[in-house]
Amino acid sequence: MVLGVAALAAAWFSGVLSPVTFTDRYEGPFFVVYEDHVGAYPLIEQVVKDVSKRMDDANLPYTDGFGQFYDDPKTVPADKLRSIGGVLVSGVTQVDSPMAFGTIQYDHYAIASFKGLSMLGPSVVYPKAVEWMKANNKTLNGAVIEIYKKGGLKKEVIFMFPIN
C-alpha cells in the first residue's frame, strides 16, 4: 500500500499523470538570444544554462529559457539533430559570440503546457500532440519551440507546435 502511494505520488510529481490539453492560436514574435546546437536534444538544457549564465554575467535581462528543434529525431541521427537554445528577451539585444540575437516570427501554433520534470515533458506531450493534430486535421509546419518557465523543481514547459 505504501509503495503504491509512493509510486502514485512520484508519478504525479514528475508530471506523468498531468493532463495535457492543446489550444490552437497565433503567437509571437519572440525575441531570443541563443546559441546553435548540434546533437541529442536533451543536451539543449546545458546550452540554455550556458546562455542564461552569460546573460547574467553581462547583466542583460531575460525572462524564460527556450529551445527550438528543427529535425525529427525519428529520422535524423542523434548526433546530427539541429536546434538552438537560449533565453527570451524583450527586444533587440546586443550580445557577443557565440551567442546571437534572433526573432522567431509570429505563427499559428498548437500549444500545450506541461508541469513536472522538464526531461519527461517531451515523452508525455509529443505523442499527445501527434494525436491532437490528427484529430484536428492539422500538420506540423516548422520547428517546435519549448519555453522553460522559471520555477522550482517542478517546472512548467510550454510546448508550441507550428501548424497549418
N, C-alpha and C. Protein backbone atom coordinates (compact mmCIF):
# COMPACT_ATOMS: atom_id res chain seq x y z
N MET A 1 0.82 -1.20 0.00
CA MET A 1 0.00 0.00 0.00
C MET A 1 0.86 1.26 0.00
N VAL A 2 1.86 1.29 0.90
CA VAL A 2 2.74 2.46 0.99
C VAL A 2 3.52 2.63 -0.30
N LEU A 3 3.99 1.53 -0.88
CA LEU A 3 4.72 1.62 -2.15
C LEU A 3 3.82 2.13 -3.26
N GLY A 4 2.58 1.70 -3.27
CA GLY A 4 1.63 2.18 -4.28
C GLY A 4 1.39 3.67 -4.18
N VAL A 5 1.21 4.15 -2.95
CA VAL A 5 1.00 5.58 -2.73
C VAL A 5 2.25 6.36 -3.13
N ALA A 6 3.44 5.84 -2.78
CA ALA A 6 4.70 6.50 -3.13
C ALA A 6 4.87 6.55 -4.65
N ALA A 7 4.55 5.46 -5.32
CA ALA A 7 4.67 5.44 -6.79
C ALA A 7 3.70 6.42 -7.42
N LEU A 8 2.48 6.49 -6.90
CA LEU A 8 1.49 7.43 -7.42
C LEU A 8 1.94 8.87 -7.19
N ALA A 9 2.48 9.14 -6.00
CA ALA A 9 2.98 10.49 -5.69
C ALA A 9 4.14 10.87 -6.61
N ALA A 10 5.05 9.92 -6.85
CA ALA A 10 6.19 10.18 -7.73
C ALA A 10 5.71 10.44 -9.16
N ALA A 11 4.74 9.67 -9.62
CA ALA A 11 4.20 9.88 -10.98
C ALA A 11 3.52 11.24 -11.09
N TRP A 12 2.79 11.64 -10.05
CA TRP A 12 2.14 12.95 -10.07
C TRP A 12 3.18 14.06 -10.08
N PHE A 13 4.18 13.96 -9.19
CA PHE A 13 5.20 15.00 -9.08
C PHE A 13 5.98 15.13 -10.39
N SER A 14 6.30 14.01 -11.03
CA SER A 14 7.09 14.05 -12.26
C SER A 14 6.30 14.62 -13.44
N GLY A 15 4.98 14.65 -13.32
CA GLY A 15 4.14 15.19 -14.38
C GLY A 15 3.56 14.13 -15.30
N VAL A 16 3.94 12.89 -15.10
CA VAL A 16 3.47 11.82 -15.98
C VAL A 16 1.94 11.73 -15.97
N LEU A 17 1.31 12.05 -14.84
CA LEU A 17 -0.14 11.98 -14.74
C LEU A 17 -0.84 13.30 -15.05
N SER A 18 -0.05 14.33 -15.38
CA SER A 18 -0.63 15.65 -15.66
C SER A 18 -1.46 15.61 -16.93
N PRO A 19 -2.63 16.21 -16.91
CA PRO A 19 -3.42 16.29 -18.14
C PRO A 19 -2.73 17.22 -19.14
N VAL A 20 -2.81 16.89 -20.41
CA VAL A 20 -2.23 17.72 -21.46
C VAL A 20 -3.35 18.11 -22.40
N THR A 21 -3.63 19.41 -22.47
CA THR A 21 -4.64 19.91 -23.40
C THR A 21 -3.98 20.93 -24.31
N PHE A 22 -4.52 21.06 -25.50
CA PHE A 22 -3.94 21.95 -26.51
C PHE A 22 -4.88 23.10 -26.82
N THR A 23 -4.29 24.25 -27.08
CA THR A 23 -5.03 25.39 -27.62
C THR A 23 -4.43 25.68 -28.98
N ASP A 24 -5.25 26.19 -29.84
CA ASP A 24 -4.89 26.48 -31.22
C ASP A 24 -4.93 28.00 -31.36
N ARG A 25 -3.73 28.64 -31.45
CA ARG A 25 -3.73 30.10 -31.54
C ARG A 25 -2.45 30.62 -32.19
N TYR A 26 -2.49 31.88 -32.53
CA TYR A 26 -1.34 32.56 -33.10
C TYR A 26 -0.54 33.22 -31.98
N GLU A 27 0.79 33.13 -32.05
CA GLU A 27 1.68 33.70 -31.04
C GLU A 27 2.92 34.28 -31.73
N GLY A 28 3.58 35.18 -31.01
CA GLY A 28 4.83 35.74 -31.49
C GLY A 28 4.67 37.19 -31.86
N PRO A 29 5.70 37.80 -32.35
CA PRO A 29 7.05 37.23 -32.49
C PRO A 29 7.72 37.08 -31.13
N PHE A 30 8.76 36.25 -31.10
CA PHE A 30 9.57 36.05 -29.91
C PHE A 30 10.98 36.54 -30.21
N PHE A 31 11.50 37.36 -29.31
CA PHE A 31 12.87 37.82 -29.43
C PHE A 31 13.73 36.92 -28.56
N VAL A 32 14.82 36.42 -29.12
CA VAL A 32 15.62 35.41 -28.43
C VAL A 32 17.10 35.71 -28.53
N VAL A 33 17.82 35.33 -27.50
CA VAL A 33 19.27 35.25 -27.53
C VAL A 33 19.58 33.77 -27.40
N TYR A 34 20.42 33.26 -28.29
CA TYR A 34 20.58 31.81 -28.38
C TYR A 34 21.99 31.43 -28.82
N GLU A 35 22.23 30.12 -28.75
CA GLU A 35 23.41 29.50 -29.34
C GLU A 35 22.92 28.32 -30.16
N ASP A 36 23.61 28.05 -31.26
CA ASP A 36 23.32 26.88 -32.08
C ASP A 36 23.77 25.63 -31.35
N HIS A 37 23.08 24.54 -31.63
CA HIS A 37 23.44 23.25 -31.05
C HIS A 37 23.21 22.16 -32.08
N VAL A 38 24.17 21.25 -32.17
CA VAL A 38 24.01 20.05 -32.98
C VAL A 38 24.30 18.87 -32.06
N GLY A 39 23.33 17.97 -31.95
CA GLY A 39 23.49 16.81 -31.08
C GLY A 39 22.15 16.43 -30.47
N ALA A 40 22.21 15.48 -29.58
CA ALA A 40 20.99 14.95 -28.94
C ALA A 40 20.20 16.09 -28.30
N TYR A 41 18.90 16.07 -28.50
CA TYR A 41 18.04 17.14 -28.00
C TYR A 41 18.08 17.34 -26.48
N PRO A 42 18.17 16.29 -25.67
CA PRO A 42 18.22 16.55 -24.22
C PRO A 42 19.41 17.41 -23.79
N LEU A 43 20.44 17.49 -24.61
CA LEU A 43 21.62 18.31 -24.28
C LEU A 43 21.35 19.81 -24.41
N ILE A 44 20.20 20.18 -24.96
CA ILE A 44 19.86 21.60 -25.09
C ILE A 44 19.76 22.26 -23.72
N GLU A 45 19.46 21.50 -22.69
CA GLU A 45 19.35 22.06 -21.34
C GLU A 45 20.65 22.76 -20.94
N GLN A 46 21.81 22.16 -21.26
CA GLN A 46 23.08 22.79 -20.91
C GLN A 46 23.31 24.05 -21.73
N VAL A 47 22.88 24.06 -22.99
CA VAL A 47 23.02 25.26 -23.83
C VAL A 47 22.20 26.40 -23.21
N VAL A 48 20.97 26.10 -22.79
CA VAL A 48 20.12 27.12 -22.15
C VAL A 48 20.79 27.65 -20.89
N LYS A 49 21.35 26.76 -20.08
CA LYS A 49 22.04 27.18 -18.85
C LYS A 49 23.24 28.06 -19.18
N ASP A 50 24.01 27.69 -20.21
CA ASP A 50 25.19 28.47 -20.59
C ASP A 50 24.80 29.87 -21.04
N VAL A 51 23.77 29.97 -21.88
CA VAL A 51 23.32 31.29 -22.35
C VAL A 51 22.79 32.10 -21.17
N SER A 52 22.02 31.48 -20.28
CA SER A 52 21.49 32.18 -19.11
C SER A 52 22.63 32.73 -18.26
N LYS A 53 23.67 31.94 -18.06
CA LYS A 53 24.81 32.39 -17.26
C LYS A 53 25.52 33.57 -17.93
N ARG A 54 25.71 33.48 -19.25
CA ARG A 54 26.36 34.59 -19.97
C ARG A 54 25.52 35.87 -19.88
N MET A 55 24.20 35.70 -19.98
CA MET A 55 23.31 36.86 -19.86
C MET A 55 23.40 37.46 -18.45
N ASP A 56 23.40 36.59 -17.44
CA ASP A 56 23.54 37.06 -16.05
C ASP A 56 24.87 37.78 -15.86
N ASP A 57 25.95 37.18 -16.37
CA ASP A 57 27.29 37.78 -16.22
C ASP A 57 27.38 39.14 -16.89
N ALA A 58 26.64 39.31 -18.02
CA ALA A 58 26.65 40.58 -18.75
C ALA A 58 25.58 41.54 -18.21
N ASN A 59 24.85 41.10 -17.19
CA ASN A 59 23.79 41.90 -16.60
C ASN A 59 22.72 42.31 -17.63
N LEU A 60 22.37 41.34 -18.49
CA LEU A 60 21.36 41.57 -19.52
C LEU A 60 20.06 40.87 -19.10
N PRO A 61 18.92 41.57 -19.15
CA PRO A 61 17.66 40.98 -18.70
C PRO A 61 17.08 39.98 -19.70
N TYR A 62 16.42 38.99 -19.16
CA TYR A 62 15.71 37.98 -19.96
C TYR A 62 14.60 37.41 -19.10
N THR A 63 13.69 36.69 -19.74
CA THR A 63 12.60 36.09 -18.97
C THR A 63 12.83 34.59 -18.81
N ASP A 64 12.44 33.80 -19.78
CA ASP A 64 12.48 32.35 -19.66
C ASP A 64 13.47 31.75 -20.64
N GLY A 65 13.81 30.49 -20.40
CA GLY A 65 14.63 29.75 -21.34
C GLY A 65 13.78 29.18 -22.47
N PHE A 66 14.44 28.80 -23.55
CA PHE A 66 13.70 28.18 -24.65
C PHE A 66 14.63 27.26 -25.44
N GLY A 67 14.02 26.36 -26.19
CA GLY A 67 14.71 25.56 -27.18
C GLY A 67 13.85 25.51 -28.42
N GLN A 68 14.50 25.50 -29.59
CA GLN A 68 13.76 25.35 -30.84
C GLN A 68 14.41 24.19 -31.59
N PHE A 69 13.59 23.23 -32.02
CA PHE A 69 14.08 21.95 -32.52
C PHE A 69 13.68 21.77 -33.98
N TYR A 70 14.67 21.62 -34.84
CA TYR A 70 14.45 21.64 -36.29
C TYR A 70 14.23 20.27 -36.93
N ASP A 71 14.78 19.22 -36.37
CA ASP A 71 14.77 17.92 -37.03
C ASP A 71 13.90 16.91 -36.28
N ASP A 72 13.47 15.89 -37.00
CA ASP A 72 12.68 14.80 -36.42
C ASP A 72 13.65 13.74 -35.90
N PRO A 73 13.69 13.53 -34.59
CA PRO A 73 14.64 12.54 -34.05
C PRO A 73 14.34 11.10 -34.48
N LYS A 74 13.18 10.88 -35.10
CA LYS A 74 12.89 9.54 -35.61
C LYS A 74 13.59 9.29 -36.94
N THR A 75 14.00 10.37 -37.65
CA THR A 75 14.62 10.20 -38.97
C THR A 75 16.04 10.74 -39.06
N VAL A 76 16.47 11.52 -38.06
CA VAL A 76 17.81 12.12 -38.08
C VAL A 76 18.61 11.52 -36.92
N PRO A 77 19.85 11.07 -37.19
CA PRO A 77 20.67 10.52 -36.10
C PRO A 77 20.88 11.56 -34.99
N ALA A 78 20.93 11.10 -33.75
CA ALA A 78 21.03 12.00 -32.58
C ALA A 78 22.19 12.97 -32.70
N ASP A 79 23.32 12.53 -33.24
CA ASP A 79 24.48 13.43 -33.31
C ASP A 79 24.37 14.47 -34.44
N LYS A 80 23.29 14.42 -35.22
CA LYS A 80 23.08 15.37 -36.32
C LYS A 80 21.87 16.28 -36.08
N LEU A 81 21.16 16.10 -34.98
CA LEU A 81 19.96 16.90 -34.71
C LEU A 81 20.34 18.36 -34.52
N ARG A 82 19.60 19.25 -35.20
CA ARG A 82 19.87 20.69 -35.11
C ARG A 82 18.84 21.38 -34.22
N SER A 83 19.34 22.27 -33.37
CA SER A 83 18.46 23.05 -32.51
C SER A 83 19.18 24.32 -32.09
N ILE A 84 18.42 25.22 -31.47
CA ILE A 84 19.01 26.38 -30.82
C ILE A 84 18.44 26.43 -29.41
N GLY A 85 19.21 26.99 -28.50
CA GLY A 85 18.74 27.11 -27.13
C GLY A 85 19.22 28.41 -26.54
N GLY A 86 18.40 28.98 -25.66
CA GLY A 86 18.78 30.24 -25.05
C GLY A 86 17.68 30.80 -24.19
N VAL A 87 17.48 32.11 -24.33
CA VAL A 87 16.52 32.82 -23.47
C VAL A 87 15.66 33.77 -24.29
N LEU A 88 14.49 34.08 -23.75
CA LEU A 88 13.59 35.07 -24.34
C LEU A 88 13.96 36.44 -23.79
N VAL A 89 13.99 37.44 -24.67
CA VAL A 89 14.29 38.82 -24.28
C VAL A 89 13.17 39.71 -24.78
N SER A 90 13.14 40.96 -24.29
CA SER A 90 12.01 41.85 -24.61
C SER A 90 12.18 42.61 -25.92
N GLY A 91 13.36 42.59 -26.50
CA GLY A 91 13.60 43.31 -27.74
C GLY A 91 15.02 43.10 -28.22
N VAL A 92 15.43 43.88 -29.21
CA VAL A 92 16.77 43.74 -29.77
C VAL A 92 17.80 43.82 -28.65
N THR A 93 18.71 42.84 -28.63
CA THR A 93 19.73 42.75 -27.59
C THR A 93 21.08 42.48 -28.25
N GLN A 94 22.05 43.32 -27.95
CA GLN A 94 23.39 43.13 -28.47
C GLN A 94 24.13 42.13 -27.59
N VAL A 95 24.66 41.07 -28.21
CA VAL A 95 25.38 40.04 -27.47
C VAL A 95 26.65 39.67 -28.22
N ASP A 96 27.57 39.07 -27.50
CA ASP A 96 28.83 38.63 -28.09
C ASP A 96 28.74 37.16 -28.49
N SER A 97 29.52 36.81 -29.50
CA SER A 97 29.63 35.42 -29.95
C SER A 97 30.17 34.57 -28.80
N PRO A 98 29.69 33.36 -28.61
CA PRO A 98 28.95 32.53 -29.55
C PRO A 98 27.44 32.74 -29.51
N MET A 99 26.97 33.69 -28.69
CA MET A 99 25.53 33.96 -28.65
C MET A 99 25.13 34.80 -29.86
N ALA A 100 23.85 34.74 -30.18
CA ALA A 100 23.30 35.55 -31.26
C ALA A 100 21.90 36.00 -30.86
N PHE A 101 21.47 37.12 -31.43
CA PHE A 101 20.11 37.60 -31.24
C PHE A 101 19.30 37.19 -32.46
N GLY A 102 18.03 36.83 -32.25
CA GLY A 102 17.16 36.49 -33.36
C GLY A 102 15.70 36.72 -33.03
N THR A 103 14.88 36.57 -34.05
CA THR A 103 13.43 36.71 -33.89
C THR A 103 12.77 35.45 -34.44
N ILE A 104 11.90 34.87 -33.64
CA ILE A 104 11.05 33.77 -34.10
C ILE A 104 9.73 34.44 -34.48
N GLN A 105 9.36 34.33 -35.72
CA GLN A 105 8.23 35.07 -36.27
C GLN A 105 6.88 34.60 -35.72
N TYR A 106 5.92 35.48 -35.82
CA TYR A 106 4.52 35.22 -35.50
C TYR A 106 4.07 34.01 -36.30
N ASP A 107 3.36 33.08 -35.66
CA ASP A 107 2.94 31.88 -36.37
C ASP A 107 1.71 31.27 -35.69
N HIS A 108 1.16 30.27 -36.32
CA HIS A 108 0.00 29.54 -35.83
C HIS A 108 0.51 28.29 -35.11
N TYR A 109 0.09 28.10 -33.86
CA TYR A 109 0.62 27.02 -33.04
C TYR A 109 -0.47 26.20 -32.37
N ALA A 110 -0.16 24.92 -32.14
CA ALA A 110 -0.87 24.09 -31.17
C ALA A 110 0.00 24.17 -29.92
N ILE A 111 -0.59 24.64 -28.81
CA ILE A 111 0.18 24.94 -27.61
C ILE A 111 -0.33 24.11 -26.44
N ALA A 112 0.62 23.52 -25.71
CA ALA A 112 0.28 22.75 -24.51
C ALA A 112 1.26 23.10 -23.40
N SER A 113 0.79 22.99 -22.18
CA SER A 113 1.62 23.24 -21.00
C SER A 113 1.84 21.91 -20.28
N PHE A 114 3.05 21.73 -19.78
CA PHE A 114 3.39 20.55 -19.00
C PHE A 114 4.02 21.01 -17.71
N LYS A 115 3.52 20.53 -16.58
CA LYS A 115 4.11 20.86 -15.28
C LYS A 115 4.65 19.57 -14.68
N GLY A 116 5.95 19.55 -14.51
CA GLY A 116 6.61 18.37 -13.96
C GLY A 116 8.09 18.45 -14.22
N LEU A 117 8.74 17.31 -14.23
CA LEU A 117 10.16 17.27 -14.52
C LEU A 117 10.35 17.51 -16.01
N SER A 118 11.06 18.59 -16.35
CA SER A 118 11.14 19.01 -17.76
C SER A 118 11.68 17.92 -18.66
N MET A 119 12.55 17.05 -18.16
CA MET A 119 13.10 16.00 -19.00
C MET A 119 12.05 14.97 -19.43
N LEU A 120 10.93 14.89 -18.69
CA LEU A 120 9.87 13.95 -19.04
C LEU A 120 8.82 14.57 -19.96
N GLY A 121 8.80 15.90 -20.05
CA GLY A 121 7.79 16.58 -20.83
C GLY A 121 7.65 16.09 -22.26
N PRO A 122 8.75 15.99 -23.01
CA PRO A 122 8.61 15.55 -24.40
C PRO A 122 7.96 14.17 -24.55
N SER A 123 8.31 13.23 -23.67
CA SER A 123 7.74 11.89 -23.81
C SER A 123 6.25 11.85 -23.48
N VAL A 124 5.79 12.86 -22.72
CA VAL A 124 4.37 12.95 -22.40
C VAL A 124 3.63 13.76 -23.46
N VAL A 125 4.20 14.90 -23.87
CA VAL A 125 3.48 15.85 -24.72
C VAL A 125 3.54 15.52 -26.21
N TYR A 126 4.69 15.12 -26.73
CA TYR A 126 4.81 14.92 -28.18
C TYR A 126 3.83 13.88 -28.72
N PRO A 127 3.67 12.72 -28.08
CA PRO A 127 2.66 11.77 -28.61
C PRO A 127 1.25 12.34 -28.59
N LYS A 128 0.93 13.12 -27.56
CA LYS A 128 -0.40 13.73 -27.49
C LYS A 128 -0.56 14.81 -28.57
N ALA A 129 0.53 15.49 -28.91
CA ALA A 129 0.47 16.50 -29.98
C ALA A 129 0.16 15.83 -31.32
N VAL A 130 0.77 14.68 -31.57
CA VAL A 130 0.51 13.95 -32.81
C VAL A 130 -0.97 13.55 -32.87
N GLU A 131 -1.50 13.05 -31.76
CA GLU A 131 -2.92 12.68 -31.70
C GLU A 131 -3.81 13.90 -31.93
N TRP A 132 -3.48 15.03 -31.29
CA TRP A 132 -4.29 16.24 -31.41
C TRP A 132 -4.30 16.73 -32.85
N MET A 133 -3.12 16.72 -33.49
CA MET A 133 -3.04 17.19 -34.88
C MET A 133 -3.87 16.30 -35.80
N LYS A 134 -3.80 14.99 -35.61
CA LYS A 134 -4.61 14.07 -36.43
C LYS A 134 -6.10 14.34 -36.22
N ALA A 135 -6.50 14.47 -34.96
CA ALA A 135 -7.92 14.67 -34.64
C ALA A 135 -8.44 16.01 -35.15
N ASN A 136 -7.56 17.00 -35.30
CA ASN A 136 -7.97 18.34 -35.71
C ASN A 136 -7.54 18.68 -37.14
N ASN A 137 -7.13 17.65 -37.88
CA ASN A 137 -6.75 17.81 -39.29
C ASN A 137 -5.68 18.91 -39.48
N LYS A 138 -4.66 18.88 -38.62
CA LYS A 138 -3.55 19.84 -38.69
C LYS A 138 -2.26 19.07 -38.97
N THR A 139 -1.29 19.77 -39.52
CA THR A 139 0.03 19.18 -39.74
C THR A 139 1.10 20.09 -39.16
N LEU A 140 2.19 19.47 -38.75
CA LEU A 140 3.33 20.22 -38.24
C LEU A 140 3.94 21.01 -39.39
N ASN A 141 4.24 22.28 -39.13
CA ASN A 141 4.71 23.17 -40.19
C ASN A 141 5.92 23.98 -39.72
N GLY A 142 6.95 23.30 -39.23
CA GLY A 142 8.14 24.01 -38.81
C GLY A 142 8.73 23.47 -37.53
N ALA A 143 9.67 24.23 -36.99
CA ALA A 143 10.42 23.82 -35.81
C ALA A 143 9.61 24.00 -34.53
N VAL A 144 9.60 22.99 -33.70
CA VAL A 144 8.89 23.01 -32.42
C VAL A 144 9.66 23.89 -31.44
N ILE A 145 8.92 24.65 -30.63
CA ILE A 145 9.51 25.51 -29.60
C ILE A 145 9.08 24.99 -28.24
N GLU A 146 10.04 24.95 -27.32
CA GLU A 146 9.74 24.65 -25.92
C GLU A 146 10.18 25.87 -25.12
N ILE A 147 9.31 26.37 -24.27
CA ILE A 147 9.64 27.51 -23.39
C ILE A 147 9.69 26.98 -21.96
N TYR A 148 10.83 27.19 -21.32
CA TYR A 148 11.08 26.68 -19.98
C TYR A 148 10.86 27.82 -18.99
N LYS A 149 9.73 27.78 -18.30
CA LYS A 149 9.38 28.83 -17.34
C LYS A 149 10.29 28.71 -16.12
N LYS A 150 10.66 29.85 -15.59
CA LYS A 150 11.47 29.83 -14.36
C LYS A 150 10.62 29.28 -13.23
N GLY A 151 11.25 28.52 -12.34
CA GLY A 151 10.49 27.97 -11.23
C GLY A 151 11.32 26.99 -10.45
N GLY A 152 10.68 26.25 -9.59
CA GLY A 152 11.35 25.29 -8.73
C GLY A 152 11.63 23.99 -9.46
N LEU A 153 11.68 22.90 -8.72
CA LEU A 153 11.98 21.60 -9.29
C LEU A 153 10.91 21.15 -10.29
N LYS A 154 9.65 21.38 -9.94
CA LYS A 154 8.55 21.01 -10.84
C LYS A 154 8.22 22.23 -11.69
N LYS A 155 8.86 22.30 -12.85
CA LYS A 155 8.76 23.48 -13.71
C LYS A 155 7.66 23.32 -14.74
N GLU A 156 7.27 24.45 -15.29
CA GLU A 156 6.31 24.45 -16.39
C GLU A 156 7.08 24.60 -17.70
N VAL A 157 6.73 23.76 -18.65
CA VAL A 157 7.28 23.85 -20.00
C VAL A 157 6.10 24.07 -20.95
N ILE A 158 6.21 25.10 -21.78
CA ILE A 158 5.20 25.37 -22.80
C ILE A 158 5.71 24.78 -24.11
N PHE A 159 4.92 23.92 -24.71
CA PHE A 159 5.26 23.29 -25.98
C PHE A 159 4.46 23.97 -27.08
N MET A 160 5.15 24.43 -28.12
CA MET A 160 4.50 25.15 -29.22
C MET A 160 4.83 24.45 -30.54
N PHE A 161 3.80 23.87 -31.14
CA PHE A 161 3.94 23.15 -32.39
C PHE A 161 3.39 23.99 -33.53
N PRO A 162 4.24 24.52 -34.44
CA PRO A 162 3.70 25.31 -35.55
C PRO A 162 2.86 24.40 -36.46
N ILE A 163 1.67 24.87 -36.79
CA ILE A 163 0.73 24.02 -37.54
C ILE A 163 0.14 24.78 -38.72
N ASN A 164 -0.37 24.02 -39.64
CA ASN A 164 -1.21 24.57 -40.71
C ASN A 164 -2.37 23.65 -40.95
